[in-house]
PDB file of N, CA and C in Angstrom:
ATOM      1  N   MET A   1     -22.175 -10.269  -8.377  1.00  0.00           N
ATOM      2  CA  MET A   1     -21.647  -9.858  -7.057  1.00  0.00           C
ATOM      3  C   MET A   1     -20.847 -10.799  -6.432  1.00  0.00           C
ATOM      4  N   LEU A   2     -19.724  -9.751  -6.212  1.00  0.00           N
ATOM      5  CA  LEU A   2     -18.593 -11.414  -5.227  1.00  0.00           C
ATOM      6  C   LEU A   2     -19.289 -12.199  -3.840  1.00  0.00           C
ATOM      7  N   HIS A   3     -18.483 -13.445  -4.696  1.00  0.00           N
ATOM      8  CA  HIS A   3     -18.908 -13.854  -2.812  1.00  0.00           C
ATOM      9  C   HIS A   3     -17.739 -14.599  -2.115  1.00  0.00           C
ATOM     10  N   PRO A   4     -17.123 -13.591  -1.404  1.00  0.00           N
ATOM     11  CA  PRO A   4     -18.096 -14.187  -0.491  1.00  0.00           C
ATOM     12  C   PRO A   4     -17.939 -12.664  -0.215  1.00  0.00           C
ATOM     13  N   SER A   5     -19.747 -12.538   0.898  1.00  0.00           N
ATOM     14  CA  SER A   5     -19.245 -10.534   0.987  1.00  0.00           C
ATOM     15  C   SER A   5     -18.289  -9.961   1.807  1.00  0.00           C
ATOM     16  N   TYR A   6     -18.501  -8.918   1.737  1.00  0.00           N
ATOM     17  CA  TYR A   6     -17.487  -8.525   2.274  1.00  0.00           C
ATOM     18  C   TYR A   6     -17.480  -8.153   3.691  1.00  0.00           C
ATOM     19  N   ALA A   7     -18.382  -8.164   4.075  1.00  0.00           N
ATOM     20  CA  ALA A   7     -18.578  -9.100   5.922  1.00  0.00           C
ATOM     21  C   ALA A   7     -17.572  -9.710   5.913  1.00  0.00           C
ATOM     22  N   ASP A   8     -18.212 -11.597   5.357  1.00  0.00           N
ATOM     23  CA  ASP A   8     -17.602 -12.344   5.615  1.00  0.00           C
ATOM     24  C   ASP A   8     -15.983 -12.050   5.494  1.00  0.00           C
ATOM     25  N   LEU A   9     -14.968 -11.420   4.449  1.00  0.00           N
ATOM     26  CA  LEU A   9     -13.818 -11.291   3.862  1.00  0.00           C
ATOM     27  C   LEU A   9     -13.290 -10.430   5.662  1.00  0.00           C
ATOM     28  N   ILE A  10     -14.218  -9.345   5.779  1.00  0.00           N
ATOM     29  CA  ILE A  10     -13.610  -8.732   7.107  1.00  0.00           C
ATOM     30  C   ILE A  10     -13.612  -9.870   8.413  1.00  0.00           C
ATOM     31  N   LYS A  11     -14.516 -10.547   8.119  1.00  0.00           N
ATOM     32  CA  LYS A  11     -14.270 -11.493   9.569  1.00  0.00           C
ATOM     33  C   LYS A  11     -12.937 -12.261   9.462  1.00  0.00           C
ATOM     34  N   VAL A  12     -13.024 -12.558   8.270  1.00  0.00           N
ATOM     35  CA  VAL A  12     -11.440 -13.361   7.926  1.00  0.00           C
ATOM     36  C   VAL A  12     -10.681 -12.839   8.367  1.00  0.00           C
ATOM     37  N   VAL A  13      -9.602 -11.640   7.709  1.00  0.00           N
ATOM     38  CA  VAL A  13      -9.019 -11.476   7.989  1.00  0.00           C
ATOM     39  C   VAL A  13      -9.027 -10.518   9.667  1.00  0.00           C
ATOM     40  N   ASN A  14      -9.993 -10.578  10.191  1.00  0.00           N
ATOM     41  CA  ASN A  14      -9.415  -9.937  11.497  1.00  0.00           C
ATOM     42  C   ASN A  14      -9.268 -11.342  12.944  1.00  0.00           C
ATOM     43  N   SER A  15      -9.425 -12.517  12.013  1.00  0.00           N
ATOM     44  CA  SER A  15      -9.815 -14.034  12.479  1.00  0.00           C
ATOM     45  C   SER A  15      -8.653 -14.143  13.910  1.00  0.00           C
ATOM     46  N   GLY A  16      -7.664 -13.027  13.374  1.00  0.00           N
ATOM     47  CA  GLY A  16      -6.538 -13.758  15.155  1.00  0.00           C
ATOM     48  C   GLY A  16      -6.119 -12.510  15.294  1.00  0.00           C
ATOM     49  N   VAL A  17      -6.843 -11.423  15.258  1.00  0.00           N
ATOM     50  CA  VAL A  17      -7.106 -10.145  16.317  1.00  0.00           C
ATOM     51  C   VAL A  17      -7.612 -11.006  18.031  1.00  0.00           C
ATOM     52  N   GLU A  18      -7.030 -10.989  18.569  1.00  0.00           N
ATOM     53  CA  GLU A  18      -6.871 -11.108  20.023  1.00  0.00           C
ATOM     54  C   GLU A  18      -8.036  -9.148  20.154  1.00  0.00           C
ATOM     55  N   GLU A  19      -9.394 -10.128  21.174  1.00  0.00           N
ATOM     56  CA  GLU A  19      -9.814  -8.936  22.222  1.00  0.00           C
ATOM     57  C   GLU A  19      -9.233  -8.456  22.834  1.00  0.00           C
ATOM     58  N   GLY A  20     -10.095  -6.854  22.182  1.00  0.00           N
ATOM     59  CA  GLY A  20      -9.127  -5.683  23.064  1.00  0.00           C
ATOM     60  C   GLY A  20      -8.080  -4.876  22.344  1.00  0.00           C
ATOM     61  N   GLU A  21      -7.831  -5.713  20.891  1.00  0.00           N
ATOM     62  CA  GLU A  21      -6.830  -5.447  20.626  1.00  0.00           C
ATOM     63  C   GLU A  21      -7.875  -5.308  19.051  1.00  0.00           C
ATOM     64  N   ASP A  22      -7.097  -3.335  18.548  1.00  0.00           N
ATOM     65  CA  ASP A  22      -7.315  -2.863  17.096  1.00  0.00           C
ATOM     66  C   ASP A  22      -7.874  -4.666  15.958  1.00  0.00           C
ATOM     67  N   PRO A  23      -8.365  -4.737  15.347  1.00  0.00           N
ATOM     68  CA  PRO A  23      -8.725  -5.124  14.329  1.00  0.00           C
ATOM     69  C   PRO A  23      -8.083  -4.509  12.981  1.00  0.00           C
ATOM     70  N   VAL A  24      -7.725  -5.613  12.176  1.00  0.00           N
ATOM     71  CA  VAL A  24      -6.254  -5.665  11.092  1.00  0.00           C
ATOM     72  C   VAL A  24      -6.884  -4.166   9.790  1.00  0.00           C
ATOM     73  N   VAL A  25      -8.737  -5.146   9.733  1.00  0.00           N
ATOM     74  CA  VAL A  25      -9.453  -5.029   8.883  1.00  0.00           C
ATOM     75  C   VAL A  25     -10.696  -3.526   9.329  1.00  0.00           C
ATOM     76  N   SER A  26     -11.335  -2.263   9.087  1.00  0.00           N
ATOM     77  CA  SER A  26     -12.892  -1.859  10.058  1.00  0.00           C
ATOM     78  C   SER A  26     -13.460  -1.681   9.405  1.00  0.00           C
ATOM     79  N   SER A  27     -12.945  -1.570   7.680  1.00  0.00           N
ATOM     80  CA  SER A  27     -14.470  -0.862   6.646  1.00  0.00           C
ATOM     81  C   SER A  27     -13.537  -1.684   5.391  1.00  0.00           C
ATOM     82  N   ARG A  28     -15.200  -1.554   4.079  1.00  0.00           N
ATOM     83  CA  ARG A  28     -15.294  -2.625   3.208  1.00  0.00           C
ATOM     84  C   ARG A  28     -13.544  -1.925   2.448  1.00  0.00           C
ATOM     85  N   TYR A  29     -13.577  -0.430   2.238  1.00  0.00           N
ATOM     86  CA  TYR A  29     -12.516   0.467   1.764  1.00  0.00           C
ATOM     87  C   TYR A  29     -10.860  -0.352   1.780  1.00  0.00           C
ATOM     88  N   SER A  30     -10.641  -0.868   3.007  1.00  0.00           N
ATOM     89  CA  SER A  30     -10.037  -1.651   2.724  1.00  0.00           C
ATOM     90  C   SER A  30      -9.737  -2.569   2.757  1.00  0.00           C
ATOM     91  N   ILE A  31     -10.195  -3.500   2.669  1.00  0.00           N
ATOM     92  CA  ILE A  31     -10.154  -4.812   2.044  1.00  0.00           C
ATOM     93  C   ILE A  31     -10.222  -4.687  -0.021  1.00  0.00           C
ATOM     94  N   VAL A  32     -11.389  -3.235  -0.570  1.00  0.00           N
ATOM     95  CA  VAL A  32     -10.856  -3.592  -1.459  1.00  0.00           C
ATOM     96  C   VAL A  32      -9.681  -2.817  -2.064  1.00  0.00           C
ATOM     97  N   MET A  33      -8.845  -2.351  -1.217  1.00  0.00           N
ATOM     98  CA  MET A  33      -7.343  -2.073  -1.344  1.00  0.00           C
ATOM     99  C   MET A  33      -6.935  -2.780  -1.496  1.00  0.00           C
ATOM    100  N   ALA A  34      -7.055  -4.087  -0.463  1.00  0.00           N
ATOM    101  CA  ALA A  34      -6.270  -4.775  -0.313  1.00  0.00           C
ATOM    102  C   ALA A  34      -6.219  -5.984  -1.225  1.00  0.00           C
ATOM    103  N   THR A  35      -7.337  -5.698  -1.787  1.00  0.00           N
ATOM    104  CA  THR A  35      -7.822  -7.346  -3.086  1.00  0.00           C
ATOM    105  C   THR A  35      -7.494  -6.317  -5.062  1.00  0.00           C
ATOM    106  N   SER A  36      -7.627  -5.035  -4.739  1.00  0.00           N
ATOM    107  CA  SER A  36      -7.042  -4.543  -5.776  1.00  0.00           C
ATOM    108  C   SER A  36      -5.448  -4.764  -5.987  1.00  0.00           C
ATOM    109  N   LYS A  37      -4.568  -4.580  -4.678  1.00  0.00           N
ATOM    110  CA  LYS A  37      -3.647  -4.227  -5.185  1.00  0.00           C
ATOM    111  C   LYS A  37      -2.571  -6.019  -5.529  1.00  0.00           C
ATOM    112  N   ARG A  38      -3.614  -6.872  -4.686  1.00  0.00           N
ATOM    113  CA  ARG A  38      -3.310  -8.201  -5.257  1.00  0.00           C
ATOM    114  C   ARG A  38      -3.295  -8.268  -6.543  1.00  0.00           C
ATOM    115  N   ALA A  39      -4.520  -7.550  -6.892  1.00  0.00           N
ATOM    116  CA  ALA A  39      -4.454  -8.096  -8.539  1.00  0.00           C
ATOM    117  C   ALA A  39      -3.127  -7.754  -9.025  1.00  0.00           C
ATOM    118  N   ARG A  40      -3.343  -6.466  -9.425  1.00  0.00           N
ATOM    119  CA  ARG A  40      -2.465  -5.875  -9.308  1.00  0.00           C
ATOM    120  C   ARG A  40      -1.067  -6.489  -9.394  1.00  0.00           C
ATOM    121  N   GLN A  41      -0.839  -7.886  -9.168  1.00  0.00           N
ATOM    122  CA  GLN A  41       0.682  -7.838  -8.645  1.00  0.00           C
ATOM    123  C   GLN A  41       0.002  -8.979  -9.712  1.00  0.00           C
ATOM    124  N   ILE A  42      -1.091 -10.048  -9.428  1.00  0.00           N
ATOM    125  CA  ILE A  42      -1.287 -11.055 -10.109  1.00  0.00           C
ATOM    126  C   ILE A  42      -1.160 -10.825 -11.786  1.00  0.00           C
ATOM    127  N   ILE A  43      -1.777  -9.943 -12.026  1.00  0.00           N
ATOM    128  CA  ILE A  43      -1.901  -9.431 -13.358  1.00  0.00           C
ATOM    129  C   ILE A  43       0.091  -9.166 -13.874  1.00  0.00           C
ATOM    130  N   ALA A  44       0.603  -8.366 -13.185  1.00  0.00           N
ATOM    131  CA  ALA A  44       1.656  -8.438 -13.238  1.00  0.00           C
ATOM    132  C   ALA A  44       2.878  -9.583 -13.459  1.00  0.00           C
ATOM    133  N   GLY A  45       2.716 -10.307 -13.161  1.00  0.00           N
ATOM    134  CA  GLY A  45       2.485 -11.700 -13.063  1.00  0.00           C
ATOM    135  C   GLY A  45       3.720 -12.292 -11.400  1.00  0.00           C
ATOM    136  N   ASP A  46       3.312 -12.142 -10.432  1.00  0.00           N
ATOM    137  CA  ASP A  46       3.047 -13.163  -9.450  1.00  0.00           C
ATOM    138  C   ASP A  46       2.108 -14.088 -10.042  1.00  0.00           C
ATOM    139  N   ASP A  47       2.986 -15.641  -8.967  1.00  0.00           N
ATOM    140  CA  ASP A  47       2.448 -16.309  -8.928  1.00  0.00           C
ATOM    141  C   ASP A  47       0.748 -16.538  -8.593  1.00  0.00           C
ATOM    142  N   GLU A  48      -0.127 -16.934  -8.886  1.00  0.00           N
ATOM    143  CA  GLU A  48      -1.064 -17.486  -7.996  1.00  0.00           C
ATOM    144  C   GLU A  48      -1.388 -18.413  -6.447  1.00  0.00           C
ATOM    145  N   LEU A  49      -2.144 -18.270  -5.968  1.00  0.00           N
ATOM    146  CA  LEU A  49      -1.766 -19.082  -4.308  1.00  0.00           C
ATOM    147  C   LEU A  49      -3.021 -19.949  -4.538  1.00  0.00           C
ATOM    148  N   VAL A  50      -4.078 -19.730  -5.334  1.00  0.00           N
ATOM    149  CA  VAL A  50      -4.989 -20.576  -5.594  1.00  0.00           C
ATOM    150  C   VAL A  50      -5.324 -20.728  -7.452  1.00  0.00           C
ATOM    151  N   ASP A  51      -6.341 -21.818  -7.625  1.00  0.00           N
ATOM    152  CA  ASP A  51      -6.222 -22.113  -8.670  1.00  0.00           C
ATOM    153  C   ASP A  51      -7.411 -21.404  -9.434  1.00  0.00           C
ATOM    154  N   GLY A  52      -6.775 -20.531 -10.350  1.00  0.00           N
ATOM    155  CA  GLY A  52      -6.836 -18.881 -10.753  1.00  0.00           C
ATOM    156  C   GLY A  52      -7.848 -19.554 -11.986  1.00  0.00           C
ATOM    157  N   ARG A  53      -7.150 -20.807 -12.639  1.00  0.00           N
ATOM    158  CA  ARG A  53      -7.647 -21.087 -14.118  1.00  0.00           C
ATOM    159  C   ARG A  53      -9.513 -20.435 -14.405  1.00  0.00           C
ATOM    160  N   GLY A  54      -9.016 -19.552 -15.793  1.00  0.00           N
ATOM    161  CA  GLY A  54     -10.675 -19.387 -15.927  1.00  0.00           C
ATOM    162  C   GLY A  54     -10.680 -17.749 -15.574  1.00  0.00           C
ATOM    163  N   LYS A  55     -10.736 -17.403 -13.928  1.00  0.00           N
ATOM    164  CA  LYS A  55     -10.589 -16.009 -13.202  1.00  0.00           C
ATOM    165  C   LYS A  55     -10.154 -15.799 -13.186  1.00  0.00           C
ATOM    166  N   LYS A  56     -10.952 -14.081 -13.435  1.00  0.00           N
ATOM    167  CA  LYS A  56     -10.090 -12.916 -13.482  1.00  0.00           C
ATOM    168  C   LYS A  56      -9.304 -12.423 -12.697  1.00  0.00           C
ATOM    169  N   PRO A  57      -8.259 -11.929 -12.016  1.00  0.00           N
ATOM    170  CA  PRO A  57      -7.109 -11.892 -11.711  1.00  0.00           C
ATOM    171  C   PRO A  57      -8.171 -10.962 -10.002  1.00  0.00           C
ATOM    172  N   LEU A  58      -9.082 -10.102 -10.461  1.00  0.00           N
ATOM    173  CA  LEU A  58      -9.819  -9.484  -8.851  1.00  0.00           C
ATOM    174  C   LEU A  58     -10.097 -10.675  -7.964  1.00  0.00           C
ATOM    175  N   SER A  59     -10.896 -11.872  -8.540  1.00  0.00           N
ATOM    176  CA  SER A  59     -11.419 -12.586  -8.777  1.00  0.00           C
ATOM    177  C   SER A  59     -10.917 -13.972  -8.213  1.00  0.00           C
ATOM    178  N   VAL A  60      -9.591 -14.481  -8.350  1.00  0.00           N
ATOM    179  CA  VAL A  60      -8.323 -14.849  -7.515  1.00  0.00           C
ATOM    180  C   VAL A  60      -8.184 -14.087  -6.314  1.00  0.00           C
ATOM    181  N   ALA A  61      -7.663 -12.785  -6.324  1.00  0.00           N
ATOM    182  CA  ALA A  61      -7.143 -11.461  -5.252  1.00  0.00           C
ATOM    183  C   ALA A  61      -8.050 -12.396  -3.566  1.00  0.00           C
ATOM    184  N   VAL A  62      -9.136 -11.978  -4.189  1.00  0.00           N
ATOM    185  CA  VAL A  62     -10.409 -12.269  -3.528  1.00  0.00           C
ATOM    186  C   VAL A  62     -10.835 -13.974  -2.343  1.00  0.00           C
ATOM    187  N   GLU A  63     -10.329 -14.606  -3.598  1.00  0.00           N
ATOM    188  CA  GLU A  63     -11.143 -16.548  -3.073  1.00  0.00           C
ATOM    189  C   GLU A  63      -9.086 -15.925  -2.434  1.00  0.00           C
ATOM    190  N   GLU A  64      -8.154 -15.739  -2.942  1.00  0.00           N
ATOM    191  CA  GLU A  64      -6.786 -16.292  -1.498  1.00  0.00           C
ATOM    192  C   GLU A  64      -7.023 -14.822  -0.580  1.00  0.00           C
ATOM    193  N   LEU A  65      -7.498 -13.554  -0.600  1.00  0.00           N
ATOM    194  CA  LEU A  65      -7.674 -13.488   0.719  1.00  0.00           C
ATOM    195  C   LEU A  65      -8.684 -14.464   1.681  1.00  0.00           C
ATOM    196  N   ASN A  66      -9.774 -14.640   0.813  1.00  0.00           N
ATOM    197  CA  ASN A  66     -11.048 -15.552   1.491  1.00  0.00           C
ATOM    198  C   ASN A  66     -10.142 -16.941   2.214  1.00  0.00           C
ATOM    199  N   GLN A  67      -9.090 -17.663   1.451  1.00  0.00           N
ATOM    200  CA  GLN A  67      -8.806 -19.182   2.174  1.00  0.00           C
ATOM    201  C   GLN A  67      -7.114 -18.180   3.171  1.00  0.00           C
ATOM    202  N   GLY A  68      -6.900 -17.379   3.078  1.00  0.00           N
ATOM    203  CA  GLY A  68      -6.353 -16.825   4.469  1.00  0.00           C
ATOM    204  C   GLY A  68      -4.749 -16.840   3.796  1.00  0.00           C
ATOM    205  N   ARG A  69      -4.802 -17.131   2.306  1.00  0.00           N
ATOM    206  CA  ARG A  69      -3.334 -17.025   1.364  1.00  0.00           C
ATOM    207  C   ARG A  69      -2.807 -15.755   1.708  1.00  0.00           C
ATOM    208  N   ILE A  70      -3.514 -15.182   1.893  1.00  0.00           N
ATOM    209  CA  ILE A  70      -2.672 -13.841   1.685  1.00  0.00           C
ATOM    210  C   ILE A  70      -3.146 -13.007   2.900  1.00  0.00           C
ATOM    211  N   GLN A  71      -1.770 -11.823   3.468  1.00  0.00           N
ATOM    212  CA  GLN A  71      -2.859 -11.381   4.489  1.00  0.00           C
ATOM    213  C   GLN A  71      -2.139 -10.025   4.646  1.00  0.00           C
ATOM    214  N   ILE A  72      -3.338  -8.713   4.989  1.00  0.00           N
ATOM    215  CA  ILE A  72      -3.618  -7.252   5.206  1.00  0.00           C
ATOM    216  C   ILE A  72      -2.461  -7.150   6.212  1.00  0.00           C
ATOM    217  N   LEU A  73      -1.583  -6.396   5.724  1.00  0.00           N
ATOM    218  CA  LEU A  73      -0.344  -5.441   6.286  1.00  0.00           C
ATOM    219  C   LEU A  73      -1.194  -4.621   7.030  1.00  0.00           C
ATOM    220  N   THR A  74      -1.290  -4.506   8.480  1.00  0.00           N
ATOM    221  CA  THR A  74      -1.081  -2.980   8.898  1.00  0.00           C
ATOM    222  C   THR A  74       0.048  -2.162   9.044  1.00  0.00           C
ATOM    223  N   ASP A  75      -0.522  -0.392   9.600  1.00  0.00           N
ATOM    224  CA  ASP A  75       0.725   0.364   8.781  1.00  0.00           C
ATOM    225  C   ASP A  75       1.364   0.372  10.340  1.00  0.00           C
ATOM    226  N   GLU A  76       3.088   0.875   9.531  1.00  0.00           N
ATOM    227  CA  GLU A  76       4.112   0.720  10.298  1.00  0.00           C
ATOM    228  C   GLU A  76       3.964   1.587  11.700  1.00  0.00           C
ATOM    229  N   PRO A  77       4.496   1.102  13.042  1.00  0.00           N
ATOM    230  CA  PRO A  77       4.276   1.958  14.472  1.00  0.00           C
ATOM    231  C   PRO A  77       4.323   3.661  13.772  1.00  0.00           C
ATOM    232  N   GLU A  78       4.091   3.653  14.753  1.00  0.00           N
ATOM    233  CA  GLU A  78       4.152   5.551  14.419  1.00  0.00           C
ATOM    234  C   GLU A  78       5.779   6.205  14.462  1.00  0.00           C
ATOM    235  N   GLU A  79       6.413   5.574  15.384  1.00  0.00           N
ATOM    236  CA  GLU A  79       7.741   6.068  15.198  1.00  0.00           C
ATOM    237  C   GLU A  79       8.410   6.142  14.734  1.00  0.00           C
ATOM    238  N   GLU A  80       8.916   4.592  13.740  1.00  0.00           N
ATOM    239  CA  GLU A  80       9.145   5.012  12.560  1.00  0.00           C
ATOM    240  C   GLU A  80       8.577   5.912  11.075  1.00  0.00           C
ATOM    241  N   THR A  81       7.406   5.966  11.366  1.00  0.00           N
ATOM    242  CA  THR A  81       6.728   6.847  11.122  1.00  0.00           C
ATOM    243  C   THR A  81       8.019   8.232  10.816  1.00  0.00           C
ATOM    244  N   GLU A  82       7.753   9.073  12.300  1.00  0.00           N
ATOM    245  CA  GLU A  82       8.424   9.913  12.215  1.00  0.00           C
ATOM    246  C   GLU A  82       9.343  10.313  11.865  1.00  0.00           C
ATOM    247  N   GLU A  83      10.589   8.752  11.764  1.00  0.00           N
ATOM    248  CA  GLU A  83      11.697   8.878  11.331  1.00  0.00           C
ATOM    249  C   GLU A  83      11.834   9.211   9.991  1.00  0.00           C
ATOM    250  N   ALA A  84      11.167   8.424   9.174  1.00  0.00           N
ATOM    251  CA  ALA A  84      10.806   8.492   7.844  1.00  0.00           C
ATOM    252  C   ALA A  84      10.421   9.723   7.439  1.00  0.00           C
ATOM    253  N   SER A  85       9.378  10.479   7.710  1.00  0.00           N
ATOM    254  CA  SER A  85       8.506  12.439   7.097  1.00  0.00           C
ATOM    255  C   SER A  85      10.408  13.003   7.919  1.00  0.00           C
ATOM    256  N   GLU A  86      10.429  12.833   9.149  1.00  0.00           N
ATOM    257  CA  GLU A  86      12.351  13.712   9.013  1.00  0.00           C
ATOM    258  C   GLU A  86      12.919  13.207   8.341  1.00  0.00           C
ATOM    259  N   THR A  87      13.022  12.251   7.555  1.00  0.00           N
ATOM    260  CA  THR A  87      14.826  11.652   6.518  1.00  0.00           C
ATOM    261  C   THR A  87      13.807  12.468   4.983  1.00  0.00           C
ATOM    262  N   GLU A  88      12.258  12.494   5.092  1.00  0.00           N
ATOM    263  CA  GLU A  88      11.850  12.819   4.236  1.00  0.00           C
ATOM    264  C   GLU A  88      12.258  14.372   3.399  1.00  0.00           C
ATOM    265  N   GLY A  89      12.262  15.033   4.969  1.00  0.00           N
ATOM    266  CA  GLY A  89      12.406  16.240   5.284  1.00  0.00           C
ATOM    267  C   GLY A  89      13.418  16.921   5.389  1.00  0.00           C
ATOM    268  N   GLU A  90      14.226  16.494   5.498  1.00  0.00           N
ATOM    269  CA  GLU A  90      15.646  16.340   5.153  1.00  0.00           C
ATOM    270  C   GLU A  90      16.171  16.207   3.470  1.00  0.00           C
ATOM    271  N   GLN A  91      15.230  15.807   3.054  1.00  0.00           N
ATOM    272  CA  GLN A  91      15.959  15.386   1.394  1.00  0.00           C
ATOM    273  C   GLN A  91      15.202  16.456   0.613  1.00  0.00           C
ATOM    274  N   GLU A  92      14.074  16.671   1.664  1.00  0.00           N
ATOM    275  CA  GLU A  92      13.336  18.151   0.557  1.00  0.00           C
ATOM    276  C   GLU A  92      13.834  18.945   1.087  1.00  0.00           C
ATOM    277  N   SER A  93      14.308  19.393   2.305  1.00  0.00           N
ATOM    278  CA  SER A  93      15.260  20.490   2.742  1.00  0.00           C
ATOM    279  C   SER A  93      16.556  20.646   1.208  1.00  0.00           C
ATOM    280  N   ALA A  94      17.333  19.094   1.457  1.00  0.00           N
ATOM    281  CA  ALA A  94      18.398  18.983   0.697  1.00  0.00           C
ATOM    282  C   ALA A  94      18.264  19.478  -0.912  1.00  0.00           C
ATOM    283  N   GLU A  95      16.573  18.927  -1.497  1.00  0.00           N
ATOM    284  CA  GLU A  95      16.256  19.705  -2.567  1.00  0.00           C
ATOM    285  C   GLU A  95      15.873  21.049  -3.117  1.00  0.00           C
ATOM    286  N   MET A  96      15.799  21.336  -1.848  1.00  0.00           N
ATOM    287  CA  MET A  96      15.454  22.717  -2.153  1.00  0.00           C
ATOM    288  C   MET A  96      16.495  23.864  -2.466  1.00  0.00           C
ATOM    289  N   THR A  97      17.979  23.196  -1.097  1.00  0.00           N
ATOM    290  CA  THR A  97      18.807  24.037  -1.266  1.00  0.00           C
ATOM    291  C   THR A  97      19.889  23.625  -2.684  1.00  0.00           C
ATOM    292  N   GLU A  98      19.672  22.818  -3.484  1.00  0.00           N
ATOM    293  CA  GLU A  98      20.255  22.576  -4.560  1.00  0.00           C
ATOM    294  C   GLU A  98      19.203  23.056  -5.913  1.00  0.00           C
ATOM    295  N   THR A  99      18.181  23.832  -5.755  1.00  0.00           N
ATOM    296  CA  THR A  99      17.342  24.064  -6.491  1.00  0.00           C
ATOM    297  C   THR A  99      17.611  25.346  -6.551  1.00  0.00           C
ATOM    298  N   GLU A 100      17.796  26.249  -5.105  1.00  0.00           N
ATOM    299  CA  GLU A 100      18.242  27.484  -5.054  1.00  0.00           C
ATOM    300  C   GLU A 100      19.705  27.679  -5.521  1.00  0.00           C
ATOM    301  N   GLU A 101      20.285  26.777  -5.374  1.00  0.00           N
ATOM    302  CA  GLU A 101      21.794  27.090  -5.952  1.00  0.00           C
ATOM    303  C   GLU A 101      21.506  27.013  -7.262  1.00  0.00           C
ATOM    304  N   ALA A 102      20.958  25.912  -7.285  1.00  0.00           N
ATOM    305  CA  ALA A 102      21.090  26.285  -9.130  1.00  0.00           C
ATOM    306  C   ALA A 102      20.098  27.748 -10.057  1.00  0.00           C
ATOM    307  N   GLN A 103      19.359  28.058  -8.945  1.00  0.00           N
ATOM    308  CA  GLN A 103      18.047  29.274  -9.800  1.00  0.00           C
ATOM    309  C   GLN A 103      19.138  30.426  -9.589  1.00  0.00           C
ATOM    310  N   GLU A 104      20.540  30.672  -8.283  1.00  0.00           N
ATOM    311  CA  GLU A 104      21.472  30.933  -8.238  1.00  0.00           C
ATOM    312  C   GLU A 104      22.412  31.732  -9.321  1.00  0.00           C
ATOM    313  N   THR A 105      22.626  30.496  -9.361  1.00  0.00           N
ATOM    314  CA  THR A 105      23.641  30.059 -10.885  1.00  0.00           C
ATOM    315  C   THR A 105      23.581  30.470 -12.327  1.00  0.00           C
ATOM    316  N   ASP A 106      22.069  30.174 -12.364  1.00  0.00           N
ATOM    317  CA  ASP A 106      21.674  31.157 -13.955  1.00  0.00           C
ATOM    318  C   ASP A 106      21.162  32.338 -13.538  1.00  0.00           C
ATOM    319  N   ALA A 107      20.843  32.661 -12.386  1.00  0.00           N
ATOM    320  CA  ALA A 107      20.626  34.439 -12.183  1.00  0.00           C
ATOM    321  C   ALA A 107      22.179  34.979 -12.227  1.00  0.00           C
ATOM    322  N   ALA A 108      23.159  34.650 -12.645  1.00  0.00           N
ATOM    323  CA  ALA A 108      24.529  34.948 -12.507  1.00  0.00           C
ATOM    324  C   ALA A 108      24.860  34.713 -13.298  1.00  0.00           C
ATOM    325  N   VAL A 109      24.884  33.491 -14.455  1.00  0.00           N
ATOM    326  CA  VAL A 109      25.210  33.329 -16.198  1.00  0.00           C
ATOM    327  C   VAL A 109      24.661  34.472 -16.585  1.00  0.00           C
ATOM    328  N   ALA A 110      23.376  34.975 -16.004  1.00  0.00           N
ATOM    329  CA  ALA A 110      22.279  35.612 -16.721  1.00  0.00           C
ATOM    330  C   ALA A 110      22.548  37.293 -17.178  1.00  0.00           C
ATOM    331  N   GLU A 111      23.556  37.588 -15.928  1.00  0.00           N
ATOM    332  CA  GLU A 111      24.178  39.037 -15.282  1.00  0.00           C
ATOM    333  C   GLU A 111      25.896  38.687 -16.385  1.00  0.00           C
ATOM    334  N   ALA A 112      25.964  37.675 -16.876  1.00  0.00           N
ATOM    335  CA  ALA A 112      27.812  37.496 -17.459  1.00  0.00           C
ATOM    336  C   ALA A 112      27.471  37.978 -18.069  1.00  0.00           C
ATOM    337  N   GLU A 113      26.370  37.443 -19.801  1.00  0.00           N
ATOM    338  CA  GLU A 113      25.781  37.531 -20.894  1.00  0.00           C
ATOM    339  C   GLU A 113      25.723  39.330 -20.617  1.00  0.00           C
TER     340      GLU A 113
END
């Protein structure tokens, strides 16, 4: 079992949240996702923020989170997300148009042959 516990990690992550605000993390899943992402970063070559000699990347990531060396960021505000979705939708429409044009060109070539 990893120490500290999930409950302790959730308390550390939410320690900067004032009363009445939504907590940064409210589930074990968020802790697992954050530490696994950080462990992958360490494996990829990022510097460890705590002494990790002889420890596995996941243990280092948990220790970094417990010591407050890394933070879990919340999602972007809804307004920015909506704008991003609209841009993605426009890109998908453009890609579909290009695909449709390519299919029409292919059909025209096939008819000419």
